[in-house]
């Protein structure tokens, strides 16, 4: 059962190196989660979404409705 979503936005244009921003949204509804993530990842050239389970959300110490931003390295 999906409990949340992880979105990774990559910004490539005008940069020597890729810039990535990861947005974890603890909302089970994909449409609602996309709306929240799109406001956080403005300007991203590409956004990918991945389902997160209840256990993964719990391991990140998030509760329903929480949003967390981080900056992982680009592939």
Protein backbone atom coordinates (compact mmCIF):
# COMPACT_ATOMS: atom_id res chain seq x y z
CA UNK A 1 0.00 0.00 0.00
CA UNK A 2 1.36 3.40 -1.00
CA UNK A 3 1.80 5.80 1.88
CA UNK A 4 3.86 8.50 0.15
CA UNK A 5 5.84 9.56 -2.88
CA UNK A 6 9.43 10.52 -3.66
CA UNK A 7 9.94 13.02 -6.47
CA UNK A 8 13.36 13.81 -7.92
CA UNK A 9 13.67 16.98 -9.97
CA UNK A 10 16.76 17.45 -12.14
CA UNK A 11 17.91 20.80 -13.48
CA UNK A 12 20.38 20.45 -16.36
CA UNK A 13 20.04 23.52 -18.59
CA UNK A 14 22.67 26.22 -18.24
CA UNK A 15 24.79 24.14 -15.84
CA UNK A 16 28.02 22.22 -16.19
CA UNK A 17 26.81 19.68 -13.63
CA UNK A 18 23.31 18.42 -13.00
CA UNK A 19 21.48 19.76 -9.94
CA UNK A 20 18.99 17.40 -8.31
CA UNK A 21 16.43 18.07 -5.61
CA UNK A 22 14.55 15.26 -3.89
CA UNK A 23 11.11 15.96 -2.48
CA UNK A 24 9.42 13.36 -0.28
CA UNK A 25 5.69 13.90 0.17
CA UNK A 26 3.90 11.81 2.81
CA UNK A 27 0.52 11.88 1.06
CA UNK A 28 -0.96 8.67 -0.40
CA UNK A 29 -2.88 10.37 -3.25
CA UNK A 30 -0.60 10.77 -6.30
CA UNK A 31 -2.50 13.73 -7.74
CA UNK A 32 -2.29 15.69 -4.47
CA UNK A 33 1.36 14.72 -3.97
CA UNK A 34 2.25 15.87 -7.52
CA UNK A 35 0.63 19.25 -6.86
CA UNK A 36 2.70 19.72 -3.70
CA UNK A 37 5.96 18.53 -5.31
CA UNK A 38 5.53 20.68 -8.42
CA UNK A 39 5.42 23.79 -6.22
CA UNK A 40 8.68 22.71 -4.52
CA UNK A 41 10.49 21.64 -7.70
CA UNK A 42 9.81 24.71 -9.85
CA UNK A 43 12.25 24.95 -12.77
CA UNK A 44 13.14 21.25 -12.91
CA UNK A 45 13.71 19.93 -16.43
CA UNK A 46 12.68 16.41 -15.46
CA UNK A 47 10.71 15.08 -12.48
CA UNK A 48 10.42 11.39 -11.67
CA UNK A 49 8.07 9.87 -9.09
CA UNK A 50 8.56 6.74 -6.98
CA UNK A 51 6.09 5.10 -4.59
CA UNK A 52 7.08 4.84 -0.95
CA UNK A 53 5.64 2.27 1.43
CA UNK A 54 4.36 2.91 4.93
CA UNK A 55 7.59 1.40 6.33
CA UNK A 56 9.79 3.70 4.23
CA UNK A 57 7.86 6.78 5.37
CA UNK A 58 8.06 5.63 8.98
CA UNK A 59 11.84 5.07 8.65
CA UNK A 60 12.19 8.72 7.57
CA UNK A 61 10.24 9.84 10.66
CA UNK A 62 7.54 11.49 8.56
CA UNK A 63 3.85 11.65 9.34
CA UNK A 64 1.02 12.11 6.85
CA UNK A 65 1.16 15.51 5.18
CA UNK A 66 4.88 16.13 5.83
CA UNK A 67 7.19 17.27 3.02
CA UNK A 68 10.99 16.93 3.08
CA UNK A 69 13.49 18.40 0.58
CA UNK A 70 17.05 17.14 0.11
CA UNK A 71 19.70 17.49 -2.56
CA UNK A 72 21.09 14.14 -3.78
CA UNK A 73 23.75 13.87 -6.48
CA UNK A 74 22.59 13.45 -10.08
CA UNK A 75 23.24 10.14 -11.83
